[in-house]
Amino acid sequence: MSTAPGRRGQGLARTTGSAAVAHALAAGLRPQWRARATRSRQVALALGFREFGTRLSIGPG
C-alpha cells in the first residue's frame, strides 16, 4: 500500500493493514507481508509480523 506524504503518520497504513490481515485470517488464509520500504516494514512489525527472510533484486547496468 502507499500513503500520500501529507497523510503519513496518521495510522492509515496500520489500520488498513490490520483490516487486511483480519480478512485473510477469517478466510482461512496465511497472511504474508512483503516490503521493500522501511516504513512498510515498520508497519508490518507493528502488526505482529516477524521478518523471515530478505530478497535481493539486481537490475541491469
N, C-alpha and C. Protein backbone atom coordinates (compact mmCIF):
# COMPACT_ATOMS: atom_id res chain seq x y z
N MET A 1 0.84 -1.16 0.00
CA MET A 1 0.00 0.00 0.00
C MET A 1 0.89 1.22 0.00
N SER A 2 0.33 2.34 -0.34
CA SER A 2 1.09 3.58 -0.39
C SER A 2 0.25 4.68 0.25
N THR A 3 0.90 5.49 1.06
CA THR A 3 0.22 6.59 1.73
C THR A 3 0.78 7.91 1.21
N ALA A 4 -0.09 8.83 0.88
CA ALA A 4 0.34 10.14 0.39
C ALA A 4 1.20 10.82 1.46
N PRO A 5 2.26 11.49 1.06
CA PRO A 5 3.16 12.11 2.02
C PRO A 5 2.46 12.98 3.07
N GLY A 6 1.46 13.72 2.67
CA GLY A 6 0.76 14.60 3.60
C GLY A 6 -0.14 13.88 4.60
N ARG A 7 -0.36 12.58 4.37
CA ARG A 7 -1.25 11.80 5.25
C ARG A 7 -0.48 10.78 6.10
N ARG A 8 0.84 10.75 5.96
CA ARG A 8 1.64 9.79 6.72
C ARG A 8 1.64 10.15 8.21
N GLY A 9 1.84 9.12 9.01
CA GLY A 9 1.91 9.34 10.45
C GLY A 9 0.56 9.39 11.14
N GLN A 10 -0.51 9.06 10.43
CA GLN A 10 -1.86 9.11 11.00
C GLN A 10 -2.41 7.72 11.29
N GLY A 11 -1.61 6.70 11.05
CA GLY A 11 -2.05 5.34 11.32
C GLY A 11 -2.88 4.71 10.22
N LEU A 12 -2.93 5.32 9.05
CA LEU A 12 -3.75 4.79 7.96
C LEU A 12 -3.24 3.44 7.47
N ALA A 13 -1.94 3.30 7.29
CA ALA A 13 -1.37 2.03 6.81
C ALA A 13 -1.58 0.94 7.85
N ARG A 14 -1.42 1.29 9.10
CA ARG A 14 -1.60 0.30 10.17
C ARG A 14 -3.06 -0.15 10.23
N THR A 15 -3.99 0.79 10.10
CA THR A 15 -5.42 0.45 10.13
C THR A 15 -5.80 -0.41 8.94
N THR A 16 -5.35 -0.02 7.76
CA THR A 16 -5.65 -0.78 6.54
C THR A 16 -5.01 -2.15 6.57
N GLY A 17 -3.75 -2.20 6.98
CA GLY A 17 -3.05 -3.48 7.08
C GLY A 17 -3.70 -4.41 8.07
N SER A 18 -4.11 -3.87 9.20
CA SER A 18 -4.78 -4.68 10.22
C SER A 18 -6.08 -5.28 9.69
N ALA A 19 -6.84 -4.48 8.96
CA ALA A 19 -8.09 -4.97 8.38
C ALA A 19 -7.82 -6.06 7.34
N ALA A 20 -6.79 -5.88 6.53
CA ALA A 20 -6.46 -6.88 5.51
C ALA A 20 -6.03 -8.20 6.16
N VAL A 21 -5.25 -8.11 7.22
CA VAL A 21 -4.81 -9.32 7.93
C VAL A 21 -6.01 -10.03 8.55
N ALA A 22 -6.90 -9.28 9.18
CA ALA A 22 -8.10 -9.87 9.79
C ALA A 22 -8.95 -10.56 8.74
N HIS A 23 -9.10 -9.93 7.58
CA HIS A 23 -9.89 -10.51 6.49
C HIS A 23 -9.25 -11.82 6.00
N ALA A 24 -7.94 -11.81 5.84
CA ALA A 24 -7.24 -13.02 5.38
C ALA A 24 -7.39 -14.16 6.39
N LEU A 25 -7.21 -13.84 7.67
CA LEU A 25 -7.34 -14.87 8.70
C LEU A 25 -8.75 -15.44 8.75
N ALA A 26 -9.75 -14.57 8.61
CA ALA A 26 -11.15 -15.02 8.63
C ALA A 26 -11.45 -15.94 7.45
N ALA A 27 -10.72 -15.75 6.36
CA ALA A 27 -10.91 -16.59 5.17
C ALA A 27 -10.06 -17.85 5.22
N GLY A 28 -9.35 -18.05 6.33
CA GLY A 28 -8.52 -19.24 6.47
C GLY A 28 -7.19 -19.16 5.74
N LEU A 29 -6.77 -17.95 5.40
CA LEU A 29 -5.52 -17.76 4.69
C LEU A 29 -4.39 -17.44 5.66
N ARG A 30 -3.17 -17.57 5.19
CA ARG A 30 -1.99 -17.23 5.98
C ARG A 30 -1.42 -15.91 5.43
N PRO A 31 -1.62 -14.82 6.14
CA PRO A 31 -1.15 -13.53 5.63
C PRO A 31 0.37 -13.45 5.55
N GLN A 32 0.83 -12.80 4.51
CA GLN A 32 2.26 -12.51 4.34
C GLN A 32 2.40 -11.03 4.04
N TRP A 33 3.52 -10.47 4.43
CA TRP A 33 3.77 -9.05 4.17
C TRP A 33 5.12 -8.97 3.49
N ARG A 34 5.14 -8.47 2.29
CA ARG A 34 6.39 -8.31 1.55
C ARG A 34 6.63 -6.82 1.35
N ALA A 35 7.78 -6.38 1.78
CA ALA A 35 8.02 -4.93 1.77
C ALA A 35 9.46 -4.62 1.38
N ARG A 36 9.61 -3.55 0.63
CA ARG A 36 10.93 -3.00 0.35
C ARG A 36 11.17 -1.76 1.19
N ALA A 37 10.14 -0.98 1.34
CA ALA A 37 10.29 0.31 2.03
C ALA A 37 10.41 0.12 3.54
N THR A 38 11.24 0.93 4.15
CA THR A 38 11.43 0.86 5.60
C THR A 38 10.14 1.12 6.34
N ARG A 39 9.36 2.09 5.92
CA ARG A 39 8.10 2.39 6.61
C ARG A 39 7.15 1.20 6.57
N SER A 40 7.08 0.54 5.44
CA SER A 40 6.20 -0.62 5.31
C SER A 40 6.65 -1.74 6.24
N ARG A 41 7.94 -1.94 6.36
CA ARG A 41 8.46 -2.96 7.27
C ARG A 41 8.10 -2.61 8.71
N GLN A 42 8.16 -1.34 9.05
CA GLN A 42 7.81 -0.91 10.40
C GLN A 42 6.34 -1.19 10.70
N VAL A 43 5.48 -0.95 9.72
CA VAL A 43 4.05 -1.24 9.90
C VAL A 43 3.85 -2.74 10.11
N ALA A 44 4.50 -3.54 9.29
CA ALA A 44 4.37 -5.00 9.42
C ALA A 44 4.80 -5.47 10.80
N LEU A 45 5.91 -4.98 11.28
CA LEU A 45 6.38 -5.36 12.61
C LEU A 45 5.40 -4.93 13.68
N ALA A 46 4.82 -3.75 13.53
CA ALA A 46 3.83 -3.25 14.50
C ALA A 46 2.58 -4.12 14.52
N LEU A 47 2.28 -4.77 13.39
CA LEU A 47 1.10 -5.64 13.30
C LEU A 47 1.39 -7.07 13.77
N GLY A 48 2.63 -7.32 14.17
CA GLY A 48 2.97 -8.63 14.69
C GLY A 48 3.69 -9.56 13.74
N PHE A 49 3.99 -9.09 12.53
CA PHE A 49 4.75 -9.91 11.60
C PHE A 49 6.20 -9.99 12.08
N ARG A 50 6.86 -11.09 11.73
CA ARG A 50 8.27 -11.26 12.02
C ARG A 50 9.02 -11.38 10.70
N GLU A 51 10.20 -10.80 10.65
CA GLU A 51 10.99 -10.89 9.42
C GLU A 51 11.52 -12.32 9.28
N PHE A 52 11.21 -12.92 8.15
CA PHE A 52 11.58 -14.31 7.90
C PHE A 52 12.77 -14.42 6.98
N GLY A 53 12.90 -13.48 6.07
CA GLY A 53 13.99 -13.53 5.11
C GLY A 53 14.07 -12.24 4.33
N THR A 54 15.00 -12.18 3.44
CA THR A 54 15.16 -11.00 2.59
C THR A 54 15.26 -11.45 1.14
N ARG A 55 15.04 -10.50 0.26
CA ARG A 55 15.12 -10.77 -1.17
C ARG A 55 15.98 -9.69 -1.79
N LEU A 56 16.89 -10.09 -2.64
CA LEU A 56 17.78 -9.16 -3.31
C LEU A 56 17.37 -9.08 -4.78
N SER A 57 17.13 -7.87 -5.25
CA SER A 57 16.80 -7.65 -6.66
C SER A 57 17.92 -6.86 -7.30
N ILE A 58 18.42 -7.35 -8.41
CA ILE A 58 19.51 -6.68 -9.11
C ILE A 58 19.06 -6.43 -10.54
N GLY A 59 19.19 -5.18 -10.97
CA GLY A 59 18.81 -4.82 -12.32
C GLY A 59 20.03 -4.69 -13.22
N PRO A 60 19.80 -4.63 -14.52
CA PRO A 60 20.91 -4.48 -15.46
C PRO A 60 21.59 -3.12 -15.30
N GLY A 61 22.87 -3.10 -15.65
CA GLY A 61 23.59 -1.83 -15.68
C GLY A 61 24.38 -1.57 -14.50
